[in-house]
Every structure is written in C-alpha cells, then in structure tokens.
Amino acid sequence: MALAVLYRWYSFYETDDKDFDHQGELLTDDFVMVRPREAGMPDSSGRHAYLESLRGAYAGQSNAHHLRGIEVSSTGERTATATVNYDFQTHGPQLNGAALLRYDLELVQDPAEHLPRLTRVAEQILARQEAPFQAAYTNRARAFVHYWLSLLEQPATDAEPLRELLADDVSMHLSDGRTLSAFGEIAAWYTTTVNQVDISTHRISDFKITAEPGGDYHLTMDFAWQGVTRAGQPMTARTHHQWTLQETGEWYLRLLDFKVTTIEPFTETTAEQALTHHLDTSP
C-alpha cells in the first residue's frame, strides 16, 4: 500500500493543476518534510505549513519521478518506514536538472482508513545527473493499479471503495467469459474473490502504458498471483491484463475497460514452489 501512496505523492508534483486537498489527504496533521539543504527550501512542520510552502513553488516547471526501488519495513502494529531511491528530473523557467534522490518515509495507519498516511518525509540528494527530461505520466496510472491491488490483498469490509474507481460506463471482461458493468455485479465479483483466500499477493511485470490526448490511459501488464485459500492451500496463477483508465481530475483515475486472460490457471502448490514462482516474476 506504500506504493499507492508514493505514486500519488509523485503525481501531485507532476501535474499542472495541482490539487492541494488531494495531496493533504496523504498526510497526518503533524506531517514533517525535511528537505536537503542544497535545495534552498526550508523544512516544513505540519500539513498546512508543507502545503503552503508549495504554492507557486513549481510554477511553469515540468517534474518527473522515476522509481528505482523501495524497501518497506513494519515498525509496529500500525506504523512502517520506507526507503525510496528514484531519479528526479525537472525542466522549466526556474530550473533544468536531474538527480538521484532518496526518501526516508514514515507512515502510520489509521484503522478507519484503507491507505496509510505519511507522517515524515526526509529527502536527500545522492548524486547530480546529466539526463534529458523524460515525462513520468505513468505514475498516476501506477497509483491506481497499486490501490486496486491493495483492495484485493487487504480487502475492505465491502465493495464500496471500488465505486470511486469505476467509470459510469465501465466494462469488466473476466477470464471466465463474463462481462460486468453494473456496480452490483462488480461488488458481487469483488466479495466472492476476496472471500476465497486468506492471503493474496500480486507481482506486476511487463507494465506498458500509452497516454491518449483526451486523458485516457491504456495499460497492459501481467500479474503473478500467489495466495493461500481458506483451507490453507498455497496457490499460484498468472494473468494478462488490458485496462483503460479515464482521467477525471479526481483522487484516482477511473476504470473504463478491464480485460483479463489466463496465462497459467490457478494451481495448487507448496509454499516452496510458491516462493519460487514469486521470485521468478519479480520485476
């Protein structure tokens, strides 16, 4: 779930029409931003102070964040830390440049919310780079994908969180031949799917995205799934996905079209084989 938060964080800096309310929803009230001294911007203490420090700060700039890696560690029942390395690029009237950066994140989980919130972000400049600017329009789509998967891996009490992720004319084409479009049908699919397993994990590979001028995104990707049934049986499967996501300016893109086909069917396995399957499909 940390990846869903991180990609949403990146997306704020990369869009021209920045939604400060949406960015604020990622943060605790006592959020702290520790900036590198070389950046020339002061640290911020408190969500309001952080958001105010950004107003007008990136006017005219195009920013891009390209994730290299993330390591997440649990530090308590509702807290975690994450170390993130990424390539940052900016282009515009204020600055042109690129650098390898590091985030040290602290996150806290409110039991009433699905995603954790950031309580502290410390940024470091690891190395200056010489690189042409490359837009990172995929981050908003990646935020959607990881949030969608988080709802399958750590299910909500009901399907209601899916409602804000679905376009009004959504079509979901399942591998068994069914096509779902009404929210009630999709809610029933969700409830059945998450109730079949005790543990569910996905590894994404072969992620490709095409952005359309009208704001839609076309995604193709493969999921390597590992899980454990209610009866305690380890299982694996692989699926191929084609999604179309619609830009509406809301928290998340909306799912317009969803197609899934089976590469490898659900198969009983051992814990050792499931681990091998997991490692073989690591990106």
C-alpha atoms as a PDB file:
ATOM      1  CA  MET A   1       0.000   0.000   0.000  1.00  0.00           C
ATOM      2  CA  ALA A   2       3.014   2.259   0.427  1.00  0.00           C
ATOM      3  CA  LEU A   3       3.436   2.249  -3.357  1.00  0.00           C
ATOM      4  CA  ALA A   4      -0.091   3.570  -3.889  1.00  0.00           C
ATOM      5  CA  VAL A   5       0.724   6.447  -1.536  1.00  0.00           C
ATOM      6  CA  LEU A   6       4.130   7.095  -3.118  1.00  0.00           C
ATOM      7  CA  TYR A   7       2.816   7.206  -6.683  1.00  0.00           C
ATOM      8  CA  ARG A   8       0.038   9.568  -5.638  1.00  0.00           C
ATOM      9  CA  TRP A   9       2.663  11.764  -3.929  1.00  0.00           C
ATOM     10  CA  TYR A  10       4.720  11.846  -7.134  1.00  0.00           C
ATOM     11  CA  SER A  11       1.659  12.641  -9.248  1.00  0.00           C
ATOM     12  CA  PHE A  12       0.971  15.853  -7.337  1.00  0.00           C
ATOM     13  CA  TYR A  13       4.351  17.282  -8.343  1.00  0.00           C
ATOM     14  CA  GLU A  14       3.957  16.153 -11.948  1.00  0.00           C
ATOM     15  CA  THR A  15       0.578  17.677 -12.806  1.00  0.00           C
ATOM     16  CA  ASP A  16      -0.015  21.267 -13.885  1.00  0.00           C
ATOM     17  CA  ASP A  17      -3.309  21.539 -11.995  1.00  0.00           C
ATOM     18  CA  LYS A  18      -2.158  20.674  -8.501  1.00  0.00           C
ATOM     19  CA  ASP A  19      -4.908  19.639  -6.083  1.00  0.00           C
ATOM     20  CA  PHE A  20      -3.698  20.612  -2.619  1.00  0.00           C
ATOM     21  CA  ASP A  21      -6.644  18.936  -0.912  1.00  0.00           C
ATOM     22  CA  HIS A  22      -5.790  15.606  -2.525  1.00  0.00           C
ATOM     23  CA  GLN A  23      -2.136  15.936  -1.525  1.00  0.00           C
ATOM     24  CA  GLY A  24      -3.139  16.845   2.012  1.00  0.00           C
ATOM     25  CA  GLU A  25      -5.155  13.630   2.308  1.00  0.00           C
ATOM     26  CA  LEU A  26      -1.890  11.676   2.130  1.00  0.00           C
ATOM     27  CA  LEU A  27      -0.520  13.355   5.268  1.00  0.00           C
ATOM     28  CA  THR A  28      -1.058  13.391   9.008  1.00  0.00           C
ATOM     29  CA  ASP A  29      -1.779  16.699  10.727  1.00  0.00           C
ATOM     30  CA  ASP A  30       1.730  16.701  12.255  1.00  0.00           C
ATOM     31  CA  PHE A  31       3.473  15.809   8.990  1.00  0.00           C
ATOM     32  CA  VAL A  32       7.148  16.852   8.718  1.00  0.00           C
ATOM     33  CA  MET A  33       9.039  17.448   5.467  1.00  0.00           C
ATOM     34  CA  VAL A  34      12.835  17.507   5.784  1.00  0.00           C
ATOM     35  CA  ARG A  35      14.399  18.968   2.650  1.00  0.00           C
ATOM     36  CA  PRO A  36      18.057  18.790   1.597  1.00  0.00           C
ATOM     37  CA  ARG A  37      19.994  21.940   2.366  1.00  0.00           C
ATOM     38  CA  GLU A  38      21.123  22.153  -1.264  1.00  0.00           C
ATOM     39  CA  ALA A  39      17.516  22.561  -2.395  1.00  0.00           C
ATOM     40  CA  GLY A  40      17.278  26.043  -0.904  1.00  0.00           C
ATOM     41  CA  MET A  41      13.858  25.429   0.650  1.00  0.00           C
ATOM     42  CA  PRO A  42      13.241  25.230   4.412  1.00  0.00           C
ATOM     43  CA  ASP A  43      11.829  22.218   6.212  1.00  0.00           C
ATOM     44  CA  SER A  44       8.104  22.170   6.934  1.00  0.00           C
ATOM     45  CA  SER A  45       6.396  21.152  10.176  1.00  0.00           C
ATOM     46  CA  GLY A  46       2.678  20.444   9.956  1.00  0.00           C
ATOM     47  CA  ARG A  47       0.485  19.539   6.991  1.00  0.00           C
ATOM     48  CA  HIS A  48      -0.705  23.116   6.469  1.00  0.00           C
ATOM     49  CA  ALA A  49       2.827  24.542   6.503  1.00  0.00           C
ATOM     50  CA  TYR A  50       4.015  21.922   3.981  1.00  0.00           C
ATOM     51  CA  LEU A  51       1.167  22.637   1.580  1.00  0.00           C
ATOM     52  CA  GLU A  52       1.622  26.393   1.858  1.00  0.00           C
ATOM     53  CA  SER A  53       5.342  26.026   1.100  1.00  0.00           C
ATOM     54  CA  LEU A  54       4.446  24.543  -2.295  1.00  0.00           C
ATOM     55  CA  ARG A  55       2.034  27.203  -3.507  1.00  0.00           C
ATOM     56  CA  GLY A  56       3.698  28.757  -6.519  1.00  0.00           C
ATOM     57  CA  ALA A  57       6.947  26.902  -5.875  1.00  0.00           C
ATOM     58  CA  TYR A  58       6.876  24.959  -9.134  1.00  0.00           C
ATOM     59  CA  ALA A  59       5.123  27.416 -11.443  1.00  0.00           C
ATOM     60  CA  GLY A  60       5.911  26.519 -15.034  1.00  0.00           C
ATOM     61  CA  GLN A  61       8.059  23.541 -14.103  1.00  0.00           C
ATOM     62  CA  SER A  62       7.661  20.033 -15.506  1.00  0.00           C
ATOM     63  CA  ASN A  63       8.726  17.400 -12.963  1.00  0.00           C
ATOM     64  CA  ALA A  64       9.272  13.672 -13.295  1.00  0.00           C
ATOM     65  CA  HIS A  65       9.975  10.926 -10.769  1.00  0.00           C
ATOM     66  CA  HIS A  66      11.284   7.544 -11.929  1.00  0.00           C
ATOM     67  CA  LEU A  67      11.276   4.980  -9.136  1.00  0.00           C
ATOM     68  CA  ARG A  68      14.346   2.750  -8.823  1.00  0.00           C
ATOM     69  CA  GLY A  69      13.438   0.813  -5.704  1.00  0.00           C
ATOM     70  CA  ILE A  70      11.576   0.815  -2.401  1.00  0.00           C
ATOM     71  CA  GLU A  71      12.097  -1.141   0.819  1.00  0.00           C
ATOM     72  CA  VAL A  72       9.272  -1.143   3.363  1.00  0.00           C
ATOM     73  CA  SER A  73       9.681  -2.270   6.978  1.00  0.00           C
ATOM     74  CA  SER A  74       6.995  -2.647   9.616  1.00  0.00           C
ATOM     75  CA  THR A  75       7.885  -0.831  12.842  1.00  0.00           C
ATOM     76  CA  GLY A  76       4.702  -1.518  14.779  1.00  0.00           C
ATOM     77  CA  GLU A  77       1.120  -2.656  14.511  1.00  0.00           C
ATOM     78  CA  ARG A  78       0.148   0.494  12.591  1.00  0.00           C
ATOM     79  CA  THR A  79       3.478   2.067  11.628  1.00  0.00           C
ATOM     80  CA  ALA A  80       6.078   1.467   8.940  1.00  0.00           C
ATOM     81  CA  THR A  81       9.129   3.026   7.358  1.00  0.00           C
ATOM     82  CA  ALA A  82      10.222   3.000   3.728  1.00  0.00           C
ATOM     83  CA  THR A  83      13.439   3.826   1.913  1.00  0.00           C
ATOM     84  CA  VAL A  84      12.950   5.027  -1.660  1.00  0.00           C
ATOM     85  CA  ASN A  85      15.545   5.671  -4.368  1.00  0.00           C
ATOM     86  CA  TYR A  86      14.418   7.469  -7.503  1.00  0.00           C
ATOM     87  CA  ASP A  87      15.587   9.618 -10.387  1.00  0.00           C
ATOM     88  CA  PHE A  88      14.175  13.153 -10.307  1.00  0.00           C
ATOM     89  CA  GLN A  89      14.101  15.399 -13.346  1.00  0.00           C
ATOM     90  CA  THR A  90      12.809  18.956 -13.722  1.00  0.00           C
ATOM     91  CA  HIS A  91      12.521  21.246 -16.724  1.00  0.00           C
ATOM     92  CA  GLY A  92      11.250  24.802 -16.896  1.00  0.00           C
ATOM     93  CA  PRO A  93      11.893  28.504 -16.351  1.00  0.00           C
ATOM     94  CA  GLN A  94      13.145  28.091 -12.772  1.00  0.00           C
ATOM     95  CA  LEU A  95      15.490  25.123 -13.170  1.00  0.00           C
ATOM     96  CA  ASN A  96      16.685  22.414 -15.512  1.00  0.00           C
ATOM     97  CA  GLY A  97      18.371  19.432 -13.950  1.00  0.00           C
ATOM     98  CA  ALA A  98      18.335  15.837 -12.794  1.00  0.00           C
ATOM     99  CA  ALA A  99      19.466  13.976  -9.694  1.00  0.00           C
ATOM    100  CA  LEU A 100      19.349  10.640  -7.938  1.00  0.00           C
ATOM    101  CA  LEU A 101      17.353  11.208  -4.748  1.00  0.00           C
ATOM    102  CA  ARG A 102      16.410   9.246  -1.664  1.00  0.00           C
ATOM    103  CA  TYR A 103      13.316   9.451   0.503  1.00  0.00           C
ATOM    104  CA  ASP A 104      13.134   8.121   4.048  1.00  0.00           C
ATOM    105  CA  LEU A 105       9.426   7.800   4.781  1.00  0.00           C
ATOM    106  CA  GLU A 106       7.478   7.211   7.967  1.00  0.00           C
ATOM    107  CA  LEU A 107       3.881   6.032   7.617  1.00  0.00           C
ATOM    108  CA  VAL A 108       1.045   5.473  10.060  1.00  0.00           C
ATOM    109  CA  GLN A 109      -2.159   3.515   9.531  1.00  0.00           C
ATOM    110  CA  ASP A 110      -5.454   4.907  10.779  1.00  0.00           C
ATOM    111  CA  PRO A 111      -7.736   1.872  11.394  1.00  0.00           C
ATOM    112  CA  ALA A 112     -10.628   3.814   9.866  1.00  0.00           C
ATOM    113  CA  GLU A 113      -8.775   4.330   6.564  1.00  0.00           C
ATOM    114  CA  HIS A 114      -7.519   1.917   3.940  1.00  0.00           C
ATOM    115  CA  LEU A 115      -4.225   3.552   2.988  1.00  0.00           C
ATOM    116  CA  PRO A 116      -1.569   4.676   5.463  1.00  0.00           C
ATOM    117  CA  ARG A 117      -0.652   8.345   5.758  1.00  0.00           C
ATOM    118  CA  LEU A 118       2.764   9.930   5.585  1.00  0.00           C
ATOM    119  CA  THR A 119       3.918  11.405   8.863  1.00  0.00           C
ATOM    120  CA  ARG A 120       7.500  12.252   7.823  1.00  0.00           C
ATOM    121  CA  VAL A 121       9.439  12.544   4.558  1.00  0.00           C
ATOM    122  CA  ALA A 122      13.181  13.196   4.620  1.00  0.00           C
ATOM    123  CA  GLU A 123      14.782  13.870   1.230  1.00  0.00           C
ATOM    124  CA  GLN A 124      18.455  13.537   0.291  1.00  0.00           C
ATOM    125  CA  ILE A 125      20.341  14.311  -2.915  1.00  0.00           C
ATOM    126  CA  LEU A 126      22.572  11.316  -3.607  1.00  0.00           C
ATOM    127  CA  ALA A 127      24.088  12.407  -6.928  1.00  0.00           C
ATOM    128  CA  ARG A 128      23.649  15.020  -9.630  1.00  0.00           C
ATOM    129  CA  GLN A 129      22.887  13.617 -13.069  1.00  0.00           C
ATOM    130  CA  GLU A 130      23.107  14.611 -16.716  1.00  0.00           C
ATOM    131  CA  ALA A 131      19.969  13.267 -18.342  1.00  0.00           C
ATOM    132  CA  PRO A 132      17.367  14.551 -20.813  1.00  0.00           C
ATOM    133  CA  PHE A 133      13.941  15.231 -19.348  1.00  0.00           C
ATOM    134  CA  GLN A 134      11.593  12.252 -19.610  1.00  0.00           C
ATOM    135  CA  ALA A 135       7.992  12.760 -18.503  1.00  0.00           C
ATOM    136  CA  ALA A 136       6.669  10.318 -15.899  1.00  0.00           C
ATOM    137  CA  TYR A 137       2.993  10.329 -16.817  1.00  0.00           C
ATOM    138  CA  THR A 138       2.774   6.681 -15.728  1.00  0.00           C
ATOM    139  CA  ASN A 139       2.827   7.489 -12.007  1.00  0.00           C
ATOM    140  CA  ARG A 140      -0.840   8.441 -11.781  1.00  0.00           C
ATOM    141  CA  ALA A 141      -1.790   5.198 -13.530  1.00  0.00           C
ATOM    142  CA  ARG A 142       0.547   3.223 -11.278  1.00  0.00           C
ATOM    143  CA  ALA A 143      -1.117   4.764  -8.213  1.00  0.00           C
ATOM    144  CA  PHE A 144      -4.457   3.423  -9.475  1.00  0.00           C
ATOM    145  CA  VAL A 145      -3.088  -0.073 -10.130  1.00  0.00           C
ATOM    146  CA  HIS A 146      -1.481  -0.388  -6.693  1.00  0.00           C
ATOM    147  CA  TYR A 147      -4.558   0.944  -4.933  1.00  0.00           C
ATOM    148  CA  TRP A 148      -6.766  -1.504  -6.845  1.00  0.00           C
ATOM    149  CA  LEU A 149      -4.476  -4.398  -5.875  1.00  0.00           C
ATOM    150  CA  SER A 150      -4.391  -3.243  -2.242  1.00  0.00           C
ATOM    151  CA  LEU A 151      -8.166  -3.622  -2.117  1.00  0.00           C
ATOM    152  CA  LEU A 152      -7.778  -7.240  -3.250  1.00  0.00           C
ATOM    153  CA  GLU A 153      -4.846  -8.055  -0.974  1.00  0.00           C
ATOM    154  CA  GLN A 154      -6.152  -6.320   2.151  1.00  0.00           C
ATOM    155  CA  PRO A 155      -9.893  -6.298   1.481  1.00  0.00           C
ATOM    156  CA  ALA A 156     -12.268  -3.607   2.609  1.00  0.00           C
ATOM    157  CA  THR A 157     -15.358  -4.641   4.570  1.00  0.00           C
ATOM    158  CA  ASP A 158     -17.419  -4.257   1.382  1.00  0.00           C
ATOM    159  CA  ALA A 159     -17.030  -3.203  -2.243  1.00  0.00           C
ATOM    160  CA  GLU A 160     -17.916   0.453  -1.659  1.00  0.00           C
ATOM    161  CA  PRO A 161     -14.299   1.728  -2.083  1.00  0.00           C
ATOM    162  CA  LEU A 162     -14.439   0.433  -5.672  1.00  0.00           C
ATOM    163  CA  ARG A 163     -17.199   2.884  -6.545  1.00  0.00           C
ATOM    164  CA  GLU A 164     -14.832   5.875  -6.852  1.00  0.00           C
ATOM    165  CA  LEU A 165     -12.549   3.816  -9.102  1.00  0.00           C
ATOM    166  CA  LEU A 166     -15.144   2.882 -11.733  1.00  0.00           C
ATOM    167  CA  ALA A 167     -16.293   4.926 -14.713  1.00  0.00           C
ATOM    168  CA  ASP A 168     -20.040   5.234 -15.195  1.00  0.00           C
ATOM    169  CA  ASP A 169     -19.860   3.045 -18.314  1.00  0.00           C
ATOM    170  CA  VAL A 170     -17.254   0.584 -17.054  1.00  0.00           C
ATOM    171  CA  SER A 171     -16.948  -2.867 -18.621  1.00  0.00           C
ATOM    172  CA  MET A 172     -15.071  -5.695 -16.902  1.00  0.00           C
ATOM    173  CA  HIS A 173     -14.351  -8.695 -19.131  1.00  0.00           C
ATOM    174  CA  LEU A 174     -13.385 -11.617 -16.900  1.00  0.00           C
ATOM    175  CA  SER A 175     -11.357 -14.674 -17.839  1.00  0.00           C
ATOM    176  CA  ASP A 176     -14.429 -16.920 -17.418  1.00  0.00           C
ATOM    177  CA  GLY A 177     -16.220 -15.075 -20.234  1.00  0.00           C
ATOM    178  CA  ARG A 178     -18.492 -12.895 -18.117  1.00  0.00           C
ATOM    179  CA  THR A 179     -18.810  -9.145 -18.697  1.00  0.00           C
ATOM    180  CA  LEU A 180     -19.715  -6.981 -15.719  1.00  0.00           C
ATOM    181  CA  SER A 181     -20.925  -3.402 -15.946  1.00  0.00           C
ATOM    182  CA  ALA A 182     -23.389  -2.706 -13.112  1.00  0.00           C
ATOM    183  CA  PHE A 183     -21.879  -1.830  -9.751  1.00  0.00           C
ATOM    184  CA  GLY A 184     -23.873  -4.607  -8.073  1.00  0.00           C
ATOM    185  CA  GLU A 185     -22.302  -7.183 -10.400  1.00  0.00           C
ATOM    186  CA  ILE A 186     -18.799  -5.855  -9.749  1.00  0.00           C
ATOM    187  CA  ALA A 187     -19.443  -5.735  -5.999  1.00  0.00           C
ATOM    188  CA  ALA A 188     -20.538  -9.394  -6.052  1.00  0.00           C
ATOM    189  CA  TRP A 189     -17.384 -10.343  -8.013  1.00  0.00           C
ATOM    190  CA  TYR A 190     -15.222  -8.468  -5.503  1.00  0.00           C
ATOM    191  CA  THR A 191     -16.845 -10.082  -2.463  1.00  0.00           C
ATOM    192  CA  THR A 192     -16.556 -13.578  -3.938  1.00  0.00           C
ATOM    193  CA  THR A 193     -12.935 -13.031  -4.989  1.00  0.00           C
ATOM    194  CA  VAL A 194     -11.620 -11.733  -1.662  1.00  0.00           C
ATOM    195  CA  ASN A 195     -13.553 -14.297   0.385  1.00  0.00           C
ATOM    196  CA  GLN A 196     -11.891 -17.224  -1.374  1.00  0.00           C
ATOM    197  CA  VAL A 197      -8.455 -16.654   0.147  1.00  0.00           C
ATOM    198  CA  ASP A 198      -6.766 -15.753   3.408  1.00  0.00           C
ATOM    199  CA  ILE A 199      -3.614 -14.382   1.757  1.00  0.00           C
ATOM    200  CA  SER A 200      -3.318 -12.740  -1.659  1.00  0.00           C
ATOM    201  CA  THR A 201      -0.292 -11.085  -3.296  1.00  0.00           C
ATOM    202  CA  HIS A 202       0.437  -9.819  -6.799  1.00  0.00           C
ATOM    203  CA  ARG A 203       3.675  -9.139  -8.648  1.00  0.00           C
ATOM    204  CA  ILE A 204       3.408  -6.850 -11.679  1.00  0.00           C
ATOM    205  CA  SER A 205       5.536  -7.436 -14.780  1.00  0.00           C
ATOM    206  CA  ASP A 206       5.655  -6.226 -18.388  1.00  0.00           C
ATOM    207  CA  PHE A 207       3.914  -2.979 -17.459  1.00  0.00           C
ATOM    208  CA  LYS A 208       3.273  -0.854 -20.547  1.00  0.00           C
ATOM    209  CA  ILE A 209       1.223   2.313 -20.828  1.00  0.00           C
ATOM    210  CA  THR A 210       0.022   4.572 -23.624  1.00  0.00           C
ATOM    211  CA  ALA A 211      -1.410   8.006 -22.867  1.00  0.00           C
ATOM    212  CA  GLU A 212      -4.110   9.369 -25.163  1.00  0.00           C
ATOM    213  CA  PRO A 213      -4.560  13.125 -25.853  1.00  0.00           C
ATOM    214  CA  GLY A 214      -8.057  13.056 -24.366  1.00  0.00           C
ATOM    215  CA  GLY A 215      -6.783  11.912 -20.971  1.00  0.00           C
ATOM    216  CA  ASP A 216      -7.306   8.151 -21.187  1.00  0.00           C
ATOM    217  CA  TYR A 217      -4.524   5.684 -20.404  1.00  0.00           C
ATOM    218  CA  HIS A 218      -4.213   2.239 -21.965  1.00  0.00           C
ATOM    219  CA  LEU A 219      -2.337  -0.282 -19.792  1.00  0.00           C
ATOM    220  CA  THR A 220      -1.095  -3.797 -20.422  1.00  0.00           C
ATOM    221  CA  MET A 221       0.580  -5.851 -17.699  1.00  0.00           C
ATOM    222  CA  ASP A 222       0.925  -9.338 -16.270  1.00  0.00           C
ATOM    223  CA  PHE A 223       0.150 -10.347 -12.694  1.00  0.00           C
ATOM    224  CA  ALA A 224       1.847 -13.247 -10.961  1.00  0.00           C
ATOM    225  CA  TRP A 225      -0.502 -14.143  -8.126  1.00  0.00           C
ATOM    226  CA  GLN A 226       0.340 -16.118  -5.007  1.00  0.00           C
ATOM    227  CA  GLY A 227      -2.173 -16.872  -2.306  1.00  0.00           C
ATOM    228  CA  VAL A 228      -3.423 -19.209   0.371  1.00  0.00           C
ATOM    229  CA  THR A 229      -7.012 -20.474   0.353  1.00  0.00           C
ATOM    230  CA  ARG A 230      -9.308 -20.523   3.370  1.00  0.00           C
ATOM    231  CA  ALA A 231      -8.390 -24.194   3.723  1.00  0.00           C
ATOM    232  CA  GLY A 232      -4.682 -23.346   3.940  1.00  0.00           C
ATOM    233  CA  GLN A 233      -3.708 -24.477   0.430  1.00  0.00           C
ATOM    234  CA  PRO A 234      -0.997 -22.406  -1.309  1.00  0.00           C
ATOM    235  CA  MET A 235      -1.952 -21.469  -4.884  1.00  0.00           C
ATOM    236  CA  THR A 236      -0.380 -19.657  -7.842  1.00  0.00           C
ATOM    237  CA  ALA A 237      -1.676 -18.196 -11.109  1.00  0.00           C
ATOM    238  CA  ARG A 238      -0.639 -15.796 -13.854  1.00  0.00           C
ATOM    239  CA  THR A 239      -2.924 -13.435 -15.735  1.00  0.00           C
ATOM    240  CA  HIS A 240      -2.603 -10.872 -18.522  1.00  0.00           C
ATOM    241  CA  HIS A 241      -4.450  -7.571 -18.177  1.00  0.00           C
ATOM    242  CA  GLN A 242      -5.550  -4.826 -20.570  1.00  0.00           C
ATOM    243  CA  TRP A 243      -7.087  -1.809 -18.852  1.00  0.00           C
ATOM    244  CA  THR A 244      -8.280   1.591 -19.994  1.00  0.00           C
ATOM    245  CA  LEU A 245      -8.239   4.295 -17.324  1.00  0.00           C
ATOM    246  CA  GLN A 246     -10.077   7.605 -17.595  1.00  0.00           C
ATOM    247  CA  GLU A 247      -8.822  10.950 -16.279  1.00  0.00           C
ATOM    248  CA  THR A 248     -11.493  12.866 -14.364  1.00  0.00           C
ATOM    249  CA  GLY A 249      -9.353  15.065 -12.089  1.00  0.00           C
ATOM    250  CA  GLU A 250     -10.445  13.134  -9.013  1.00  0.00           C
ATOM    251  CA  TRP A 251      -8.263  11.373  -6.462  1.00  0.00           C
ATOM    252  CA  TYR A 252      -7.795   8.433  -8.790  1.00  0.00           C
ATOM    253  CA  LEU A 253      -8.274   7.710 -12.437  1.00  0.00           C
ATOM    254  CA  ARG A 254     -11.396   5.675 -13.190  1.00  0.00           C
ATOM    255  CA  LEU A 255     -11.521   2.221 -14.732  1.00  0.00           C
ATOM    256  CA  LEU A 256     -13.303   2.338 -18.081  1.00  0.00           C
ATOM    257  CA  ASP A 257     -12.404  -1.046 -19.561  1.00  0.00           C
ATOM    258  CA  PHE A 258     -10.914  -4.156 -17.949  1.00  0.00           C
ATOM    259  CA  LYS A 259      -9.904  -7.333 -19.757  1.00  0.00           C
ATOM    260  CA  VAL A 260      -8.160 -10.268 -18.104  1.00  0.00           C
ATOM    261  CA  THR A 261      -6.999 -13.528 -19.671  1.00  0.00           C
ATOM    262  CA  THR A 262      -5.376 -16.521 -18.020  1.00  0.00           C
ATOM    263  CA  ILE A 263      -1.721 -17.309 -18.718  1.00  0.00           C
ATOM    264  CA  GLU A 264      -1.398 -20.009 -16.068  1.00  0.00           C
ATOM    265  CA  PRO A 265      -4.540 -21.238 -14.272  1.00  0.00           C
ATOM    266  CA  PHE A 266      -4.945 -21.372 -10.507  1.00  0.00           C
ATOM    267  CA  THR A 267      -2.759 -24.269  -9.401  1.00  0.00           C
ATOM    268  CA  GLU A 268      -2.220 -25.953  -6.063  1.00  0.00           C
ATOM    269  CA  THR A 269       1.397 -25.788  -4.987  1.00  0.00           C
ATOM    270  CA  THR A 270       3.699 -25.949  -1.981  1.00  0.00           C
ATOM    271  CA  ALA A 271       4.958 -22.963  -0.028  1.00  0.00           C
ATOM    272  CA  GLU A 272       8.438 -23.510  -1.506  1.00  0.00           C
ATOM    273  CA  GLN A 273       7.100 -23.614  -5.064  1.00  0.00           C
ATOM    274  CA  ALA A 274       5.009 -20.512  -4.436  1.00  0.00           C
ATOM    275  CA  LEU A 275       8.138 -18.665  -3.280  1.00  0.00           C
ATOM    276  CA  THR A 276       9.996 -19.741  -6.417  1.00  0.00           C
ATOM    277  CA  HIS A 277       7.075 -18.517  -8.522  1.00  0.00           C
ATOM    278  CA  HIS A 278       7.212 -15.203  -6.647  1.00  0.00           C
ATOM    279  CA  LEU A 279      10.944 -14.738  -7.212  1.00  0.00           C
ATOM    280  CA  ASP A 280      10.800 -15.786 -10.870  1.00  0.00           C
ATOM    281  CA  THR A 281       8.345 -12.999 -11.594  1.00  0.00           C
ATOM    282  CA  SER A 282       9.998 -10.222  -9.586  1.00  0.00           C
ATOM    283  CA  PRO A 283      10.491  -7.110 -11.739  1.00  0.00           C
END
